[in-house]
Amino acid sequence: MYPSTICSYISIWAVREQNRLWHELSGCRQAKLFLHELDYSRARFALNLPRKDLRILVGLLTGLVDLNRHLHIMGLRQDSVCPLCQEEEDTTALFIAQCSAIMFFHPEEHSQRLHSFIRDVKQHPLVSPHKVCQSF
């Protein structure tokens, strides 16, 4: 058996093992919504981002951004409800894809608001995601 074949088998086994451990992990609820399994192309993409962009990406993937759920857990907000729709817990997944108040926007307008939020976070690291939706 060639050494390259052995290395290939080890690599395949390692990826399967990492994915198995990721799925069995009891925590990381928010990140698991976005990251289903190990993906080297996404990892390379993230690691090639400028530091500010990587910080935003990690915050969005982990839910550790200025959304009410995270602020409520930290004891900085009274409740964790979305201030826009007042229906669900204010999480990254809700803000990006599920909030009924945001869904009334045309898709292009929603995309522009998301880009505006990312631009504002780069300039002012403590900006709230709901600043994007001040037009309500």
Protein backbone atom coordinates (compact mmCIF):
# COMPACT_ATOMS: atom_id res chain seq x y z
CA MET A 1 0.00 0.00 0.00
CA TYR A 2 1.34 3.43 -0.93
CA PRO A 3 1.96 6.08 1.74
CA SER A 4 -0.35 8.50 -0.12
CA THR A 5 -3.19 5.97 0.12
CA ILE A 6 -2.63 5.59 3.86
CA CYS A 7 -2.59 9.39 4.29
CA SER A 8 -5.81 9.63 2.29
CA TYR A 9 -7.55 7.03 4.49
CA ILE A 10 -6.38 8.80 7.63
CA SER A 11 -7.62 12.14 6.32
CA ILE A 12 -11.04 10.70 5.44
CA TRP A 13 -11.28 9.03 8.85
CA ALA A 14 -10.31 12.30 10.60
CA VAL A 15 -13.02 14.29 8.78
CA ARG A 16 -15.66 11.66 9.60
CA GLU A 17 -14.56 11.62 13.24
CA GLN A 18 -14.67 15.43 13.49
CA ASN A 19 -18.17 15.49 11.97
CA ARG A 20 -19.34 12.74 14.34
CA LEU A 21 -18.00 14.63 17.36
CA TRP A 22 -19.57 17.87 16.11
CA HIS A 23 -23.01 16.23 15.83
CA GLU A 24 -22.69 14.59 19.26
CA LEU A 25 -21.63 17.83 20.94
CA SER A 26 -24.41 19.07 23.20
CA GLY A 27 -23.57 22.78 22.94
CA CYS A 28 -23.02 25.20 20.06
CA ARG A 29 -26.74 25.37 19.20
CA GLN A 30 -26.42 28.55 17.15
CA ALA A 31 -23.33 27.50 15.19
CA LYS A 32 -24.89 24.13 14.34
CA LEU A 33 -27.74 25.95 12.57
CA PHE A 34 -25.24 27.34 10.07
CA LEU A 35 -22.39 24.81 10.09
CA HIS A 36 -23.63 21.29 9.52
CA GLU A 37 -20.29 19.60 8.98
CA LEU A 38 -16.61 20.23 8.42
CA ASP A 39 -15.99 22.15 5.20
CA TYR A 40 -12.41 23.05 4.34
CA SER A 41 -13.44 25.54 1.65
CA ARG A 42 -15.51 27.53 4.15
CA ALA A 43 -12.70 27.35 6.69
CA ARG A 44 -10.21 28.66 4.11
CA PHE A 45 -12.64 31.42 3.14
CA ALA A 46 -13.09 32.47 6.78
CA LEU A 47 -9.37 32.38 7.55
CA ASN A 48 -8.62 34.57 4.55
CA LEU A 49 -11.03 37.30 5.69
CA PRO A 50 -9.70 40.51 7.20
CA ARG A 51 -9.79 40.40 11.00
CA LYS A 52 -12.84 42.71 11.28
CA ASP A 53 -14.84 40.60 8.81
CA LEU A 54 -13.85 37.40 10.58
CA ARG A 55 -15.02 38.88 13.90
CA ILE A 56 -18.41 39.69 12.35
CA LEU A 57 -18.70 36.22 10.81
CA VAL A 58 -17.82 34.46 14.07
CA GLY A 59 -20.28 36.66 15.97
CA LEU A 60 -23.08 35.84 13.55
CA LEU A 61 -22.29 32.12 13.51
CA THR A 62 -22.09 31.82 17.30
CA GLY A 63 -24.86 34.27 18.18
CA LEU A 64 -22.45 36.35 20.27
CA VAL A 65 -23.58 39.68 18.85
CA ASP A 66 -25.71 42.53 20.20
CA LEU A 67 -29.03 40.75 19.76
CA ASN A 68 -31.51 40.56 22.63
CA ARG A 69 -31.05 36.85 23.30
CA HIS A 70 -27.32 37.25 23.91
CA LEU A 71 -27.79 40.51 25.83
CA HIS A 72 -30.49 38.85 27.98
CA ILE A 73 -28.17 35.95 28.81
CA MET A 74 -25.52 38.50 29.83
CA GLY A 75 -28.10 40.25 32.05
CA LEU A 76 -28.15 43.45 29.98
CA ARG A 77 -31.74 43.13 28.68
CA GLN A 78 -34.99 42.30 30.44
CA ASP A 79 -36.22 39.93 27.74
CA SER A 80 -34.88 38.13 24.69
CA VAL A 81 -37.72 38.90 22.28
CA CYS A 82 -37.02 40.43 18.87
CA PRO A 83 -37.80 44.18 19.01
CA LEU A 84 -38.98 44.13 15.40
CA CYS A 85 -41.52 41.30 15.22
CA GLN A 86 -42.11 40.87 18.98
CA GLU A 87 -42.80 37.20 18.24
CA GLU A 88 -39.66 35.14 18.78
CA GLU A 89 -36.36 35.07 20.61
CA ASP A 90 -33.93 37.51 19.01
CA THR A 91 -31.20 35.29 17.50
CA THR A 92 -28.91 35.55 14.50
CA ALA A 93 -30.99 33.01 12.59
CA LEU A 94 -34.13 35.06 13.22
CA PHE A 95 -32.42 38.31 12.23
CA ILE A 96 -30.93 36.92 9.02
CA ALA A 97 -33.68 34.67 7.72
CA GLN A 98 -36.83 34.31 9.82
CA CYS A 99 -38.05 37.59 11.33
CA SER A 100 -41.54 38.28 9.99
CA ALA A 101 -41.01 42.05 10.30
CA ILE A 102 -37.89 41.91 8.14
CA MET A 103 -39.48 39.50 5.65
CA PHE A 104 -41.86 42.27 4.54
CA PHE A 105 -38.90 43.97 2.88
CA HIS A 106 -38.14 43.22 -0.73
CA PRO A 107 -35.23 40.71 -0.86
CA GLU A 108 -32.89 43.35 -2.33
CA GLU A 109 -33.79 45.82 0.42
CA HIS A 110 -33.21 43.14 3.09
CA SER A 111 -29.83 42.38 1.53
CA GLN A 112 -28.92 46.09 1.50
CA ARG A 113 -29.85 46.38 5.19
CA LEU A 114 -27.67 43.36 6.00
CA HIS A 115 -24.73 44.88 4.11
CA SER A 116 -25.36 48.19 5.90
CA PHE A 117 -25.24 46.38 9.25
CA ILE A 118 -21.94 44.68 8.36
CA ARG A 119 -20.47 48.02 7.24
CA ASP A 120 -21.61 49.70 10.49
CA VAL A 121 -20.19 46.90 12.64
CA LYS A 122 -16.83 47.28 10.90
CA GLN A 123 -16.80 51.00 11.70
CA HIS A 124 -18.37 50.80 15.18
CA PRO A 125 -17.85 47.36 16.80
CA LEU A 126 -20.63 47.76 19.40
CA VAL A 127 -23.47 48.61 16.99
CA SER A 128 -26.71 46.67 17.43
CA PRO A 129 -28.02 44.64 14.45
CA HIS A 130 -31.37 46.37 14.86
CA LYS A 131 -29.76 49.69 13.92
CA VAL A 132 -30.13 48.35 10.39
CA CYS A 133 -33.91 48.30 10.82
CA GLN A 134 -34.39 51.77 12.31
CA SER A 135 -36.91 52.62 9.62
CA PHE A 136 -39.69 50.97 11.66
